[in-house]
Amino acid sequence: GALPDGPARARLDTAAEAHLAAGLPAVERGDFTTDHWLATFAALALDPAGQP
């Protein structure tokens, strides 16, 4: 991963999970900007290759 192990990493992982949980429901709002960009960022967030 991009971050070293330690307490800061655990807090950032928790924050990332909270942001993902809050943002995923908004992926299908029906307008191009939201549908395209949120889906793109959601795919990146869920990609196992980017996980530690």
PDB file of N, CA and C in Angstrom:
ATOM      1  N   GLY A   1       0.801  -1.186   0.000  1.00  0.00           N
ATOM      2  CA  GLY A   1       0.000   0.000   0.000  1.00  0.00           C
ATOM      3  C   GLY A   1       0.848   1.255   0.000  1.00  0.00           C
ATOM      4  N   ALA A   2       0.220   2.338  -0.205  1.00  0.00           N
ATOM      5  CA  ALA A   2       0.905   3.625  -0.274  1.00  0.00           C
ATOM      6  C   ALA A   2       1.260   4.158   1.106  1.00  0.00           C
ATOM      7  N   LEU A   3       0.594   3.659   2.135  1.00  0.00           N
ATOM      8  CA  LEU A   3       0.835   4.160   3.485  1.00  0.00           C
ATOM      9  C   LEU A   3       1.555   3.116   4.324  1.00  0.00           C
ATOM     10  N   PRO A   4       2.449   3.557   5.211  1.00  0.00           N
ATOM     11  CA  PRO A   4       3.101   2.603   6.106  1.00  0.00           C
ATOM     12  C   PRO A   4       2.112   2.100   7.155  1.00  0.00           C
ATOM     13  N   ASP A   5       2.424   0.946   7.717  1.00  0.00           N
ATOM     14  CA  ASP A   5       1.591   0.428   8.802  1.00  0.00           C
ATOM     15  C   ASP A   5       1.686   1.356  10.008  1.00  0.00           C
ATOM     16  N   GLY A   6       0.652   1.348  10.815  1.00  0.00           N
ATOM     17  CA  GLY A   6       0.647   2.171  12.013  1.00  0.00           C
ATOM     18  C   GLY A   6      -0.739   2.686  12.314  1.00  0.00           C
ATOM     19  N   PRO A   7      -0.880   3.426  13.420  1.00  0.00           N
ATOM     20  CA  PRO A   7      -2.200   3.897  13.839  1.00  0.00           C
ATOM     21  C   PRO A   7      -2.845   4.862  12.843  1.00  0.00           C
ATOM     22  N   ALA A   8      -2.059   5.659  12.161  1.00  0.00           N
ATOM     23  CA  ALA A   8      -2.639   6.588  11.182  1.00  0.00           C
ATOM     24  C   ALA A   8      -3.262   5.822  10.025  1.00  0.00           C
ATOM     25  N   ARG A   9      -2.623   4.753   9.612  1.00  0.00           N
ATOM     26  CA  ARG A   9      -3.160   3.950   8.511  1.00  0.00           C
ATOM     27  C   ARG A   9      -4.504   3.349   8.890  1.00  0.00           C
ATOM     28  N   ALA A  10      -4.625   2.838  10.090  1.00  0.00           N
ATOM     29  CA  ALA A  10      -5.893   2.250  10.540  1.00  0.00           C
ATOM     30  C   ALA A  10      -7.003   3.301  10.525  1.00  0.00           C
ATOM     31  N   ARG A  11      -6.704   4.512  10.984  1.00  0.00           N
ATOM     32  CA  ARG A  11      -7.710   5.584  10.977  1.00  0.00           C
ATOM     33  C   ARG A  11      -8.095   5.975   9.554  1.00  0.00           C
ATOM     34  N   LEU A  12      -7.110   6.045   8.675  1.00  0.00           N
ATOM     35  CA  LEU A  12      -7.395   6.392   7.281  1.00  0.00           C
ATOM     36  C   LEU A  12      -8.183   5.288   6.580  1.00  0.00           C
ATOM     37  N   ASP A  13      -7.871   4.027   6.873  1.00  0.00           N
ATOM     38  CA  ASP A  13      -8.650   2.916   6.306  1.00  0.00           C
ATOM     39  C   ASP A  13     -10.103   2.994   6.756  1.00  0.00           C
ATOM     40  N   THR A  14     -10.323   3.301   8.029  1.00  0.00           N
ATOM     41  CA  THR A  14     -11.685   3.433   8.553  1.00  0.00           C
ATOM     42  C   THR A  14     -12.412   4.589   7.874  1.00  0.00           C
ATOM     43  N   ALA A  15     -11.725   5.705   7.706  1.00  0.00           N
ATOM     44  CA  ALA A  15     -12.333   6.860   7.032  1.00  0.00           C
ATOM     45  C   ALA A  15     -12.657   6.533   5.575  1.00  0.00           C
ATOM     46  N   ALA A  16     -11.768   5.821   4.899  1.00  0.00           N
ATOM     47  CA  ALA A  16     -12.006   5.451   3.501  1.00  0.00           C
ATOM     48  C   ALA A  16     -13.232   4.551   3.383  1.00  0.00           C
ATOM     49  N   GLU A  17     -13.377   3.606   4.296  1.00  0.00           N
ATOM     50  CA  GLU A  17     -14.547   2.725   4.285  1.00  0.00           C
ATOM     51  C   GLU A  17     -15.831   3.520   4.510  1.00  0.00           C
ATOM     52  N   ALA A  18     -15.798   4.494   5.410  1.00  0.00           N
ATOM     53  CA  ALA A  18     -16.979   5.324   5.677  1.00  0.00           C
ATOM     54  C   ALA A  18     -17.341   6.168   4.452  1.00  0.00           C
ATOM     55  N   HIS A  19     -16.343   6.730   3.794  1.00  0.00           N
ATOM     56  CA  HIS A  19     -16.595   7.535   2.590  1.00  0.00           C
ATOM     57  C   HIS A  19     -17.184   6.676   1.478  1.00  0.00           C
ATOM     58  N   LEU A  20     -16.655   5.474   1.309  1.00  0.00           N
ATOM     59  CA  LEU A  20     -17.166   4.573   0.282  1.00  0.00           C
ATOM     60  C   LEU A  20     -18.613   4.189   0.573  1.00  0.00           C
ATOM     61  N   ALA A  21     -18.910   3.851   1.822  1.00  0.00           N
ATOM     62  CA  ALA A  21     -20.277   3.478   2.198  1.00  0.00           C
ATOM     63  C   ALA A  21     -21.247   4.639   1.988  1.00  0.00           C
ATOM     64  N   ALA A  22     -20.797   5.851   2.255  1.00  0.00           N
ATOM     65  CA  ALA A  22     -21.664   7.020   2.079  1.00  0.00           C
ATOM     66  C   ALA A  22     -21.839   7.378   0.606  1.00  0.00           C
ATOM     67  N   GLY A  23     -20.827   7.155  -0.204  1.00  0.00           N
ATOM     68  CA  GLY A  23     -20.876   7.571  -1.597  1.00  0.00           C
ATOM     69  C   GLY A  23     -21.512   6.580  -2.552  1.00  0.00           C
ATOM     70  N   LEU A  24     -21.404   5.287  -2.275  1.00  0.00           N
ATOM     71  CA  LEU A  24     -21.934   4.300  -3.216  1.00  0.00           C
ATOM     72  C   LEU A  24     -23.419   4.471  -3.528  1.00  0.00           C
ATOM     73  N   PRO A  25     -24.273   4.797  -2.565  1.00  0.00           N
ATOM     74  CA  PRO A  25     -25.688   4.967  -2.904  1.00  0.00           C
ATOM     75  C   PRO A  25     -25.947   6.105  -3.900  1.00  0.00           C
ATOM     76  N   ALA A  26     -25.033   7.033  -4.023  1.00  0.00           N
ATOM     77  CA  ALA A  26     -25.229   8.176  -4.920  1.00  0.00           C
ATOM     78  C   ALA A  26     -24.776   7.898  -6.349  1.00  0.00           C
ATOM     79  N   VAL A  27     -24.238   6.706  -6.611  1.00  0.00           N
ATOM     80  CA  VAL A  27     -23.674   6.409  -7.924  1.00  0.00           C
ATOM     81  C   VAL A  27     -24.716   6.475  -9.036  1.00  0.00           C
ATOM     82  N   GLU A  28     -25.950   6.145  -8.753  1.00  0.00           N
ATOM     83  CA  GLU A  28     -26.985   6.119  -9.794  1.00  0.00           C
ATOM     84  C   GLU A  28     -28.030   7.211  -9.587  1.00  0.00           C
ATOM     85  N   ARG A  29     -27.630   8.441  -9.721  1.00  0.00           N
ATOM     86  CA  ARG A  29     -28.567   9.555  -9.540  1.00  0.00           C
ATOM     87  C   ARG A  29     -29.277   9.932 -10.829  1.00  0.00           C
ATOM     88  N   GLY A  30     -28.742   9.543 -11.971  1.00  0.00           N
ATOM     89  CA  GLY A  30     -29.433   9.798 -13.217  1.00  0.00           C
ATOM     90  C   GLY A  30     -28.874  10.902 -14.088  1.00  0.00           C
ATOM     91  N   ASP A  31     -27.838  11.600 -13.631  1.00  0.00           N
ATOM     92  CA  ASP A  31     -27.241  12.593 -14.520  1.00  0.00           C
ATOM     93  C   ASP A  31     -25.827  12.144 -14.888  1.00  0.00           C
ATOM     94  N   PHE A  32     -25.360  12.568 -16.047  1.00  0.00           N
ATOM     95  CA  PHE A  32     -24.081  12.079 -16.569  1.00  0.00           C
ATOM     96  C   PHE A  32     -22.931  12.311 -15.600  1.00  0.00           C
ATOM     97  N   THR A  33     -22.819  13.507 -15.095  1.00  0.00           N
ATOM     98  CA  THR A  33     -21.680  13.827 -14.238  1.00  0.00           C
ATOM     99  C   THR A  33     -21.622  12.904 -13.036  1.00  0.00           C
ATOM    100  N   THR A  34     -22.733  12.756 -12.365  1.00  0.00           N
ATOM    101  CA  THR A  34     -22.760  11.894 -11.186  1.00  0.00           C
ATOM    102  C   THR A  34     -22.556  10.442 -11.578  1.00  0.00           C
ATOM    103  N   ASP A  35     -23.316   9.967 -12.550  1.00  0.00           N
ATOM    104  CA  ASP A  35     -23.215   8.558 -12.937  1.00  0.00           C
ATOM    105  C   ASP A  35     -21.819   8.203 -13.424  1.00  0.00           C
ATOM    106  N   HIS A  36     -21.224   9.061 -14.222  1.00  0.00           N
ATOM    107  CA  HIS A  36     -19.910   8.752 -14.786  1.00  0.00           C
ATOM    108  C   HIS A  36     -18.804   8.840 -13.738  1.00  0.00           C
ATOM    109  N   TRP A  37     -18.689   9.978 -13.077  1.00  0.00           N
ATOM    110  CA  TRP A  37     -17.545  10.174 -12.191  1.00  0.00           C
ATOM    111  C   TRP A  37     -17.649   9.387 -10.898  1.00  0.00           C
ATOM    112  N   LEU A  38     -18.806   9.339 -10.278  1.00  0.00           N
ATOM    113  CA  LEU A  38     -18.911   8.548  -9.050  1.00  0.00           C
ATOM    114  C   LEU A  38     -18.702   7.069  -9.333  1.00  0.00           C
ATOM    115  N   ALA A  39     -19.221   6.593 -10.462  1.00  0.00           N
ATOM    116  CA  ALA A  39     -19.000   5.189 -10.820  1.00  0.00           C
ATOM    117  C   ALA A  39     -17.519   4.920 -11.074  1.00  0.00           C
ATOM    118  N   THR A  40     -16.838   5.859 -11.711  1.00  0.00           N
ATOM    119  CA  THR A  40     -15.403   5.700 -11.953  1.00  0.00           C
ATOM    120  C   THR A  40     -14.638   5.623 -10.640  1.00  0.00           C
ATOM    121  N   PHE A  41     -14.920   6.547  -9.731  1.00  0.00           N
ATOM    122  CA  PHE A  41     -14.225   6.539  -8.442  1.00  0.00           C
ATOM    123  C   PHE A  41     -14.612   5.328  -7.603  1.00  0.00           C
ATOM    124  N   ALA A  42     -15.862   4.882  -7.689  1.00  0.00           N
ATOM    125  CA  ALA A  42     -16.287   3.680  -6.965  1.00  0.00           C
ATOM    126  C   ALA A  42     -15.541   2.461  -7.486  1.00  0.00           C
ATOM    127  N   ALA A  43     -15.392   2.353  -8.801  1.00  0.00           N
ATOM    128  CA  ALA A  43     -14.657   1.220  -9.373  1.00  0.00           C
ATOM    129  C   ALA A  43     -13.209   1.220  -8.897  1.00  0.00           C
ATOM    130  N   LEU A  44     -12.595   2.380  -8.858  1.00  0.00           N
ATOM    131  CA  LEU A  44     -11.223   2.468  -8.355  1.00  0.00           C
ATOM    132  C   LEU A  44     -11.147   2.084  -6.881  1.00  0.00           C
ATOM    133  N   ALA A  45     -12.115   2.526  -6.096  1.00  0.00           N
ATOM    134  CA  ALA A  45     -12.114   2.231  -4.662  1.00  0.00           C
ATOM    135  C   ALA A  45     -12.329   0.751  -4.393  1.00  0.00           C
ATOM    136  N   LEU A  46     -13.094   0.088  -5.250  1.00  0.00           N
ATOM    137  CA  LEU A  46     -13.405  -1.325  -5.044  1.00  0.00           C
ATOM    138  C   LEU A  46     -12.413  -2.265  -5.726  1.00  0.00           C
ATOM    139  N   ASP A  47     -11.476  -1.731  -6.501  1.00  0.00           N
ATOM    140  CA  ASP A  47     -10.502  -2.550  -7.220  1.00  0.00           C
ATOM    141  C   ASP A  47      -9.543  -3.207  -6.232  1.00  0.00           C
ATOM    142  N   PRO A  48      -9.510  -4.542  -6.182  1.00  0.00           N
ATOM    143  CA  PRO A  48      -8.622  -5.217  -5.228  1.00  0.00           C
ATOM    144  C   PRO A  48      -7.144  -4.917  -5.471  1.00  0.00           C
ATOM    145  N   ALA A  49      -6.769  -4.533  -6.680  1.00  0.00           N
ATOM    146  CA  ALA A  49      -5.366  -4.215  -6.962  1.00  0.00           C
ATOM    147  C   ALA A  49      -4.906  -2.988  -6.188  1.00  0.00           C
ATOM    148  N   GLY A  50      -5.824  -2.121  -5.813  1.00  0.00           N
ATOM    149  CA  GLY A  50      -5.466  -0.924  -5.071  1.00  0.00           C
ATOM    150  C   GLY A  50      -5.524  -1.094  -3.563  1.00  0.00           C
ATOM    151  N   GLN A  51      -5.854  -2.293  -3.118  1.00  0.00           N
ATOM    152  CA  GLN A  51      -5.984  -2.546  -1.680  1.00  0.00           C
ATOM    153  C   GLN A  51      -4.659  -3.037  -1.110  1.00  0.00           C
ATOM    154  N   PRO A  52      -4.380  -2.700   0.141  1.00  0.00           N
ATOM    155  CA  PRO A  52      -3.119  -3.161   0.766  1.00  0.00           C
ATOM    156  C   PRO A  52      -3.131  -4.648   1.010  1.00  0.00           C
TER     157      PRO A  52
END
